[in-house]
Structure formats: C-alpha cells, structure tokens
Amino acid sequence: MRARWLALVGLGACGGSIEGQWVGKLACGGFPWDVTLQLDKGEDKDFVGDGTQERSFTNLDGLTTEIVITFAADLSQEKPSGEQVLRGDWTCVDEVTSEIFAPGAEPEVLTAGCTPGRFANYVQTWDGEDAITVEGSDGCSGELSRR
C-alpha cells in the first residue's frame, strides 16, 4: 500500500512544475526558429534557466546564414500545478549572426549583441503538463514541449 502511494505522489510531482528541458519551434515573421530551454527550480514558485533560439538558411548564392540568440529565463508559476499563465520573462544575453561562405569553412561573424527589445512582452502559458505556448508582441509565437 505504501509503495503504491509513493508511486502516485512521484507521478504527480512530475507534471506539477515547469522544471526540465523544453524544445520546440517559434514562428517569427513567418520564419521558423528552433528553441531549447532548460528550467531549474529556484525559490518558491520561481524557475530560472537559459535557452537558445536558432535559425539558419541558405540563399540563392549558396551562402548560409546562421542566427543564434542566447537568452536567460526567469519564470514563475501562479499555482502549484494546472493550466496557467507563467509570470516572468526571457532576457536576451547574446545574438550572433554569421555567414558561412563554403561548406566546411569557418563562419564569419556579421553582427553580435542583442537587438533592443528582444523578447519584450512575451506571454507564456503552460498547459499544466508538457506544453508551454509562447506569444510575443513582436509576432513570434509557438510551442515548446517537455523533453
């Protein structure tokens, strides 16, 4: 009986927080971005972590452009579990745009540094289980799934 109770408590704890690794896609201006986010338990209902938003594309001349945005996340749950809007934000740490002129060549950094207002007014909604929906005032939106 006690083992069954402990198993149920353990299962309930898995879905009770946003702690963990999240992966997904955001569409920004019609372009897809790969997103990864690692959230760790902070104090009380707070979760802190970091992530990346990445995109690469090849133009008609064969040049590949890569954009990698590194960000910090500081999110809080309003309730201990269940569907809810997550308070907090993402903060740009670095943004690097580089071009690769030939396969196997070293990338050439074109720009570095965060775009002003990157991630301003993003809203994150958690389904209470394994999906976080992201809506940004800059037109970015998408979903992250727990890995």
N, C-alpha and C. Protein backbone atom coordinates (compact mmCIF):
# COMPACT_ATOMS: atom_id res chain seq x y z
N MET A 1 0.83 -1.18 0.00
CA MET A 1 0.00 0.00 0.00
C MET A 1 0.88 1.26 0.00
N ARG A 2 1.89 1.29 0.87
CA ARG A 2 2.76 2.47 0.95
C ARG A 2 3.51 2.69 -0.36
N ALA A 3 3.99 1.63 -1.01
CA ALA A 3 4.71 1.74 -2.28
C ALA A 3 3.81 2.33 -3.35
N ARG A 4 2.55 1.91 -3.38
CA ARG A 4 1.61 2.45 -4.37
C ARG A 4 1.37 3.94 -4.12
N TRP A 5 1.22 4.35 -2.87
CA TRP A 5 1.03 5.75 -2.53
C TRP A 5 2.24 6.58 -2.95
N LEU A 6 3.46 6.09 -2.68
CA LEU A 6 4.68 6.80 -3.07
C LEU A 6 4.78 6.92 -4.59
N ALA A 7 4.38 5.89 -5.31
CA ALA A 7 4.41 5.95 -6.77
C ALA A 7 3.46 7.01 -7.28
N LEU A 8 2.26 7.10 -6.70
CA LEU A 8 1.30 8.12 -7.11
C LEU A 8 1.81 9.52 -6.81
N VAL A 9 2.41 9.72 -5.65
CA VAL A 9 2.98 11.01 -5.29
C VAL A 9 4.08 11.38 -6.28
N GLY A 10 4.93 10.42 -6.61
CA GLY A 10 6.02 10.67 -7.55
C GLY A 10 5.51 11.04 -8.92
N LEU A 11 4.45 10.39 -9.41
CA LEU A 11 3.88 10.72 -10.71
C LEU A 11 3.28 12.11 -10.70
N GLY A 12 2.62 12.48 -9.62
CA GLY A 12 2.03 13.81 -9.53
C GLY A 12 3.07 14.90 -9.53
N ALA A 13 4.24 14.65 -8.96
CA ALA A 13 5.29 15.66 -8.90
C ALA A 13 5.89 15.93 -10.27
N CYS A 14 5.88 14.94 -11.17
CA CYS A 14 6.49 15.13 -12.49
C CYS A 14 5.80 16.22 -13.27
N GLY A 15 4.47 16.24 -13.24
CA GLY A 15 3.73 17.22 -14.02
C GLY A 15 3.40 18.47 -13.25
N GLY A 16 3.85 18.58 -11.99
CA GLY A 16 3.47 19.69 -11.14
C GLY A 16 4.30 20.94 -11.29
N SER A 17 5.32 20.92 -12.13
CA SER A 17 6.12 22.14 -12.29
C SER A 17 6.66 22.22 -13.71
N ILE A 18 7.22 23.37 -14.01
CA ILE A 18 7.79 23.60 -15.34
C ILE A 18 9.29 23.27 -15.39
N GLU A 19 9.80 22.71 -14.32
CA GLU A 19 11.22 22.35 -14.28
C GLU A 19 11.52 21.31 -15.35
N GLY A 20 12.66 21.48 -16.02
CA GLY A 20 13.08 20.49 -17.00
C GLY A 20 13.54 21.11 -18.31
N GLN A 21 13.72 20.25 -19.30
CA GLN A 21 14.18 20.70 -20.61
C GLN A 21 12.99 20.77 -21.56
N TRP A 22 12.92 21.87 -22.30
CA TRP A 22 11.85 22.15 -23.24
C TRP A 22 12.43 22.39 -24.62
N VAL A 23 11.78 21.89 -25.66
CA VAL A 23 12.21 22.11 -27.04
C VAL A 23 10.99 22.41 -27.89
N GLY A 24 11.21 23.17 -28.95
CA GLY A 24 10.08 23.46 -29.83
C GLY A 24 10.45 24.44 -30.91
N LYS A 25 9.44 25.02 -31.49
CA LYS A 25 9.62 25.97 -32.59
C LYS A 25 8.83 27.23 -32.31
N LEU A 26 9.41 28.35 -32.70
CA LEU A 26 8.71 29.63 -32.73
C LEU A 26 8.68 30.08 -34.18
N ALA A 27 7.58 30.67 -34.59
CA ALA A 27 7.50 31.30 -35.91
C ALA A 27 7.57 32.80 -35.68
N CYS A 28 8.57 33.43 -36.29
CA CYS A 28 8.77 34.87 -36.14
C CYS A 28 8.80 35.48 -37.53
N GLY A 29 7.83 36.33 -37.83
CA GLY A 29 7.79 36.94 -39.16
C GLY A 29 7.64 35.89 -40.26
N GLY A 30 7.01 34.78 -39.94
CA GLY A 30 6.83 33.72 -40.92
C GLY A 30 8.00 32.77 -41.05
N PHE A 31 9.06 32.99 -40.28
CA PHE A 31 10.25 32.14 -40.36
C PHE A 31 10.34 31.25 -39.12
N PRO A 32 10.67 29.96 -39.31
CA PRO A 32 10.76 29.04 -38.17
C PRO A 32 12.10 29.16 -37.43
N TRP A 33 12.03 29.08 -36.13
CA TRP A 33 13.20 29.10 -35.25
C TRP A 33 13.13 27.88 -34.35
N ASP A 34 14.25 27.20 -34.15
CA ASP A 34 14.36 26.11 -33.19
C ASP A 34 14.67 26.72 -31.83
N VAL A 35 13.98 26.26 -30.80
CA VAL A 35 14.15 26.80 -29.45
C VAL A 35 14.41 25.67 -28.47
N THR A 36 15.38 25.87 -27.59
CA THR A 36 15.62 24.98 -26.47
C THR A 36 15.61 25.82 -25.20
N LEU A 37 15.11 25.26 -24.13
CA LEU A 37 15.02 25.98 -22.86
C LEU A 37 15.20 24.99 -21.72
N GLN A 38 16.12 25.28 -20.83
CA GLN A 38 16.34 24.47 -19.63
C GLN A 38 15.91 25.30 -18.43
N LEU A 39 14.93 24.81 -17.67
CA LEU A 39 14.46 25.50 -16.48
C LEU A 39 14.78 24.68 -15.24
N ASP A 40 15.36 25.34 -14.25
CA ASP A 40 15.69 24.71 -12.98
C ASP A 40 14.91 25.40 -11.87
N LYS A 41 14.63 24.67 -10.82
CA LYS A 41 13.88 25.20 -9.68
C LYS A 41 14.68 26.27 -8.97
N GLY A 42 14.07 27.40 -8.77
CA GLY A 42 14.67 28.47 -7.99
C GLY A 42 13.98 28.50 -6.62
N GLU A 43 13.67 29.68 -6.14
CA GLU A 43 12.98 29.82 -4.86
C GLU A 43 11.48 29.79 -5.06
N ASP A 44 10.77 29.22 -4.08
CA ASP A 44 9.31 29.17 -4.04
C ASP A 44 8.75 28.63 -5.36
N LYS A 45 8.03 29.44 -6.11
CA LYS A 45 7.43 29.01 -7.38
C LYS A 45 8.22 29.53 -8.58
N ASP A 46 9.46 29.93 -8.36
CA ASP A 46 10.30 30.51 -9.42
C ASP A 46 11.14 29.44 -10.10
N PHE A 47 11.36 29.63 -11.39
CA PHE A 47 12.19 28.75 -12.19
C PHE A 47 13.11 29.61 -13.03
N VAL A 48 14.39 29.30 -13.02
CA VAL A 48 15.38 30.07 -13.77
C VAL A 48 16.11 29.14 -14.72
N GLY A 49 16.58 29.70 -15.79
CA GLY A 49 17.31 28.87 -16.74
C GLY A 49 17.81 29.67 -17.92
N ASP A 50 18.20 28.94 -18.94
CA ASP A 50 18.69 29.59 -20.15
C ASP A 50 18.27 28.77 -21.36
N GLY A 51 18.40 29.42 -22.51
CA GLY A 51 18.00 28.74 -23.73
C GLY A 51 18.62 29.37 -24.95
N THR A 52 18.30 28.77 -26.09
CA THR A 52 18.74 29.30 -27.38
C THR A 52 17.58 29.31 -28.35
N GLN A 53 17.65 30.26 -29.24
CA GLN A 53 16.72 30.36 -30.37
C GLN A 53 17.62 30.42 -31.59
N GLU A 54 17.47 29.46 -32.52
CA GLU A 54 18.40 29.34 -33.64
C GLU A 54 17.66 29.22 -34.97
N ARG A 55 18.29 29.78 -36.00
CA ARG A 55 17.75 29.70 -37.35
C ARG A 55 18.92 29.74 -38.32
N SER A 56 18.85 28.92 -39.36
CA SER A 56 19.85 29.01 -40.44
C SER A 56 19.13 28.85 -41.77
N PHE A 57 19.67 29.52 -42.77
CA PHE A 57 19.09 29.43 -44.11
C PHE A 57 20.18 29.67 -45.14
N THR A 58 19.98 29.13 -46.32
CA THR A 58 20.93 29.27 -47.42
C THR A 58 20.27 30.08 -48.52
N ASN A 59 20.96 31.13 -48.99
CA ASN A 59 20.38 31.96 -50.04
C ASN A 59 20.68 31.37 -51.43
N LEU A 60 20.22 32.03 -52.46
CA LEU A 60 20.38 31.54 -53.83
C LEU A 60 21.84 31.46 -54.27
N ASP A 61 22.72 32.25 -53.64
CA ASP A 61 24.14 32.24 -53.98
C ASP A 61 24.90 31.14 -53.22
N GLY A 62 24.20 30.37 -52.39
CA GLY A 62 24.84 29.29 -51.65
C GLY A 62 25.43 29.71 -50.32
N LEU A 63 25.22 30.95 -49.91
CA LEU A 63 25.73 31.41 -48.61
C LEU A 63 24.75 31.00 -47.52
N THR A 64 25.26 30.41 -46.46
CA THR A 64 24.42 30.02 -45.33
C THR A 64 24.56 31.06 -44.22
N THR A 65 23.44 31.54 -43.75
CA THR A 65 23.41 32.49 -42.65
C THR A 65 22.85 31.78 -41.42
N GLU A 66 23.54 31.94 -40.29
CA GLU A 66 23.09 31.38 -39.02
C GLU A 66 22.85 32.50 -38.03
N ILE A 67 21.75 32.40 -37.31
CA ILE A 67 21.45 33.36 -36.25
C ILE A 67 21.22 32.54 -34.98
N VAL A 68 21.97 32.86 -33.94
CA VAL A 68 21.84 32.17 -32.66
C VAL A 68 21.62 33.23 -31.59
N ILE A 69 20.49 33.11 -30.90
CA ILE A 69 20.15 34.02 -29.81
C ILE A 69 20.20 33.21 -28.52
N THR A 70 21.01 33.67 -27.58
CA THR A 70 21.08 33.05 -26.26
C THR A 70 20.28 33.92 -25.30
N PHE A 71 19.45 33.30 -24.46
CA PHE A 71 18.63 34.08 -23.54
C PHE A 71 18.60 33.44 -22.15
N ALA A 72 18.29 34.27 -21.19
CA ALA A 72 18.06 33.81 -19.82
C ALA A 72 16.55 33.85 -19.58
N ALA A 73 16.06 32.90 -18.81
CA ALA A 73 14.63 32.86 -18.49
C ALA A 73 14.43 32.90 -16.99
N ASP A 74 13.43 33.65 -16.57
CA ASP A 74 13.05 33.75 -15.16
C ASP A 74 11.53 33.71 -15.13
N LEU A 75 10.97 32.54 -14.84
CA LEU A 75 9.53 32.34 -14.89
C LEU A 75 9.00 31.89 -13.54
N SER A 76 7.74 32.21 -13.27
CA SER A 76 7.10 31.81 -12.02
C SER A 76 5.73 31.23 -12.31
N GLN A 77 5.38 30.20 -11.55
CA GLN A 77 4.04 29.63 -11.60
C GLN A 77 3.15 30.37 -10.62
N GLU A 78 1.93 30.67 -11.04
CA GLU A 78 0.94 31.29 -10.15
C GLU A 78 0.40 30.27 -9.17
N LYS A 79 0.20 29.03 -9.68
CA LYS A 79 -0.38 27.94 -8.89
C LYS A 79 0.63 26.79 -8.86
N PRO A 80 0.51 25.88 -7.90
CA PRO A 80 1.45 24.77 -7.83
C PRO A 80 1.34 23.80 -9.00
N SER A 81 0.19 23.75 -9.68
CA SER A 81 0.03 22.87 -10.83
C SER A 81 -1.18 23.33 -11.64
N GLY A 82 -1.37 22.71 -12.78
CA GLY A 82 -2.52 23.01 -13.62
C GLY A 82 -2.25 24.10 -14.64
N GLU A 83 -3.18 24.23 -15.57
CA GLU A 83 -3.05 25.21 -16.65
C GLU A 83 -2.98 26.63 -16.07
N GLN A 84 -2.04 27.44 -16.62
CA GLN A 84 -1.85 28.79 -16.10
C GLN A 84 -0.93 29.62 -16.99
N VAL A 85 -1.04 30.93 -16.82
CA VAL A 85 -0.12 31.86 -17.45
C VAL A 85 1.10 31.96 -16.54
N LEU A 86 2.28 31.86 -17.13
CA LEU A 86 3.52 31.94 -16.36
C LEU A 86 3.98 33.40 -16.29
N ARG A 87 4.26 33.88 -15.11
CA ARG A 87 4.79 35.23 -14.95
C ARG A 87 6.28 35.20 -15.24
N GLY A 88 6.85 36.33 -15.62
CA GLY A 88 8.28 36.43 -15.84
C GLY A 88 8.62 36.72 -17.28
N ASP A 89 9.90 36.56 -17.59
CA ASP A 89 10.31 36.93 -18.94
C ASP A 89 11.57 36.20 -19.38
N TRP A 90 11.86 36.41 -20.64
CA TRP A 90 13.12 35.97 -21.26
C TRP A 90 13.93 37.23 -21.48
N THR A 91 15.23 37.15 -21.28
CA THR A 91 16.12 38.28 -21.48
C THR A 91 17.25 37.87 -22.43
N CYS A 92 17.43 38.64 -23.48
CA CYS A 92 18.50 38.34 -24.44
C CYS A 92 19.85 38.51 -23.78
N VAL A 93 20.71 37.51 -23.93
CA VAL A 93 22.07 37.55 -23.41
C VAL A 93 23.05 37.85 -24.54
N ASP A 94 22.82 37.23 -25.70
CA ASP A 94 23.67 37.47 -26.87
C ASP A 94 22.93 37.05 -28.12
N GLU A 95 23.23 37.72 -29.20
CA GLU A 95 22.64 37.41 -30.50
C GLU A 95 23.76 37.51 -31.53
N VAL A 96 24.04 36.41 -32.22
CA VAL A 96 25.14 36.38 -33.18
C VAL A 96 24.60 35.96 -34.54
N THR A 97 24.90 36.77 -35.54
CA THR A 97 24.58 36.44 -36.92
C THR A 97 25.89 36.21 -37.64
N SER A 98 26.00 35.05 -38.29
CA SER A 98 27.23 34.73 -39.01
C SER A 98 26.89 34.12 -40.37
N GLU A 99 27.85 34.22 -41.27
CA GLU A 99 27.69 33.63 -42.60
C GLU A 99 28.77 32.60 -42.83
N ILE A 100 28.38 31.54 -43.51
CA ILE A 100 29.32 30.50 -43.91
C ILE A 100 29.40 30.55 -45.42
N PHE A 101 30.57 30.87 -45.95
CA PHE A 101 30.72 31.08 -47.38
C PHE A 101 30.91 29.80 -48.18
N ALA A 102 31.37 28.75 -47.55
CA ALA A 102 31.57 27.47 -48.24
C ALA A 102 31.40 26.34 -47.23
N PRO A 103 30.92 25.18 -47.68
CA PRO A 103 30.78 24.05 -46.75
C PRO A 103 32.12 23.73 -46.08
N GLY A 104 32.07 23.56 -44.77
CA GLY A 104 33.27 23.23 -44.01
C GLY A 104 34.10 24.44 -43.61
N ALA A 105 33.78 25.62 -44.13
CA ALA A 105 34.54 26.83 -43.81
C ALA A 105 34.12 27.37 -42.44
N GLU A 106 35.00 28.13 -41.83
CA GLU A 106 34.69 28.78 -40.55
C GLU A 106 33.66 29.89 -40.79
N PRO A 107 32.69 30.04 -39.91
CA PRO A 107 31.71 31.11 -40.08
C PRO A 107 32.35 32.48 -39.84
N GLU A 108 31.85 33.46 -40.56
CA GLU A 108 32.28 34.85 -40.38
C GLU A 108 31.18 35.58 -39.63
N VAL A 109 31.51 36.12 -38.45
CA VAL A 109 30.52 36.83 -37.64
C VAL A 109 30.21 38.17 -38.30
N LEU A 110 28.93 38.39 -38.57
CA LEU A 110 28.49 39.64 -39.18
C LEU A 110 28.05 40.64 -38.12
N THR A 111 27.28 40.17 -37.16
CA THR A 111 26.82 41.04 -36.07
C THR A 111 26.80 40.24 -34.77
N ALA A 112 26.96 40.95 -33.68
CA ALA A 112 26.85 40.34 -32.35
C ALA A 112 26.23 41.37 -31.42
N GLY A 113 25.53 40.90 -30.42
CA GLY A 113 24.85 41.79 -29.48
C GLY A 113 23.35 41.67 -29.66
N CYS A 114 22.62 41.95 -28.61
CA CYS A 114 21.17 41.77 -28.61
C CYS A 114 20.45 42.91 -29.33
N THR A 115 19.42 42.54 -30.05
CA THR A 115 18.53 43.51 -30.66
C THR A 115 17.72 44.16 -29.54
N PRO A 116 17.65 45.49 -29.49
CA PRO A 116 16.87 46.14 -28.43
C PRO A 116 15.42 45.64 -28.43
N GLY A 117 14.91 45.35 -27.25
CA GLY A 117 13.53 44.91 -27.10
C GLY A 117 13.30 43.44 -27.43
N ARG A 118 14.35 42.71 -27.71
CA ARG A 118 14.20 41.27 -28.00
C ARG A 118 13.49 40.61 -26.83
N PHE A 119 12.44 39.88 -27.09
CA PHE A 119 11.63 39.14 -26.11
C PHE A 119 10.78 40.04 -25.21
N ALA A 120 10.63 41.33 -25.54
CA ALA A 120 9.79 42.21 -24.72
C ALA A 120 8.34 41.75 -24.80
N ASN A 121 7.69 41.74 -23.67
CA ASN A 121 6.26 41.43 -23.57
C ASN A 121 5.87 40.06 -24.10
N TYR A 122 6.69 39.06 -23.87
CA TYR A 122 6.32 37.68 -24.22
C TYR A 122 5.38 37.14 -23.14
N VAL A 123 4.41 36.36 -23.56
CA VAL A 123 3.47 35.72 -22.65
C VAL A 123 3.63 34.21 -22.82
N GLN A 124 3.84 33.52 -21.71
CA GLN A 124 4.00 32.07 -21.71
C GLN A 124 2.82 31.45 -20.96
N THR A 125 2.18 30.47 -21.60
CA THR A 125 1.07 29.76 -20.98
C THR A 125 1.43 28.29 -20.90
N TRP A 126 1.29 27.72 -19.73
CA TRP A 126 1.60 26.32 -19.50
C TRP A 126 0.30 25.53 -19.42
N ASP A 127 0.22 24.38 -20.09
CA ASP A 127 -0.99 23.55 -20.08
C ASP A 127 -1.11 22.72 -18.81
N GLY A 128 -0.14 22.84 -17.90
CA GLY A 128 -0.17 22.08 -16.65
C GLY A 128 0.51 20.73 -16.77
N GLU A 129 0.98 20.42 -17.97
CA GLU A 129 1.65 19.14 -18.18
C GLU A 129 2.92 19.30 -19.00
N ASP A 130 2.81 19.15 -20.32
CA ASP A 130 4.01 19.07 -21.15
C ASP A 130 4.07 20.05 -22.31
N ALA A 131 3.35 21.17 -22.23
CA ALA A 131 3.41 22.15 -23.32
C ALA A 131 3.39 23.57 -22.77
N ILE A 132 4.30 24.41 -23.29
CA ILE A 132 4.31 25.84 -22.99
C ILE A 132 4.09 26.56 -24.32
N THR A 133 3.05 27.38 -24.37
CA THR A 133 2.75 28.18 -25.55
C THR A 133 3.34 29.57 -25.33
N VAL A 134 3.99 30.10 -26.37
CA VAL A 134 4.65 31.39 -26.29
C VAL A 134 4.02 32.33 -27.32
N GLU A 135 3.66 33.53 -26.88
CA GLU A 135 3.13 34.58 -27.75
C GLU A 135 3.92 35.86 -27.48
N GLY A 136 4.52 36.42 -28.54
CA GLY A 136 5.30 37.63 -28.38
C GLY A 136 4.68 38.82 -29.07
N SER A 137 4.88 39.99 -28.51
CA SER A 137 4.34 41.21 -29.13
C SER A 137 5.05 41.51 -30.44
N ASP A 138 6.19 40.85 -30.69
CA ASP A 138 6.94 41.06 -31.93
C ASP A 138 6.47 40.12 -33.05
N GLY A 139 5.38 39.39 -32.81
CA GLY A 139 4.85 38.49 -33.83
C GLY A 139 5.36 37.07 -33.74
N CYS A 140 6.23 36.79 -32.77
CA CYS A 140 6.73 35.43 -32.59
C CYS A 140 5.72 34.62 -31.78
N SER A 141 5.49 33.39 -32.20
CA SER A 141 4.60 32.51 -31.44
C SER A 141 4.98 31.07 -31.72
N GLY A 142 4.64 30.20 -30.79
CA GLY A 142 4.91 28.79 -30.98
C GLY A 142 4.70 28.02 -29.71
N GLU A 143 5.20 26.77 -29.72
CA GLU A 143 5.01 25.89 -28.59
C GLU A 143 6.28 25.12 -28.29
N LEU A 144 6.53 24.97 -26.99
CA LEU A 144 7.63 24.17 -26.50
C LEU A 144 7.07 22.94 -25.80
N SER A 145 7.71 21.80 -26.00
CA SER A 145 7.28 20.56 -25.36
C SER A 145 8.35 20.09 -24.41
N ARG A 146 7.90 19.48 -23.32
CA ARG A 146 8.85 18.92 -22.36
C ARG A 146 9.58 17.76 -22.99
N ARG A 147 10.87 17.73 -22.85
CA ARG A 147 11.66 16.64 -23.41
C ARG A 147 11.85 15.57 -22.39
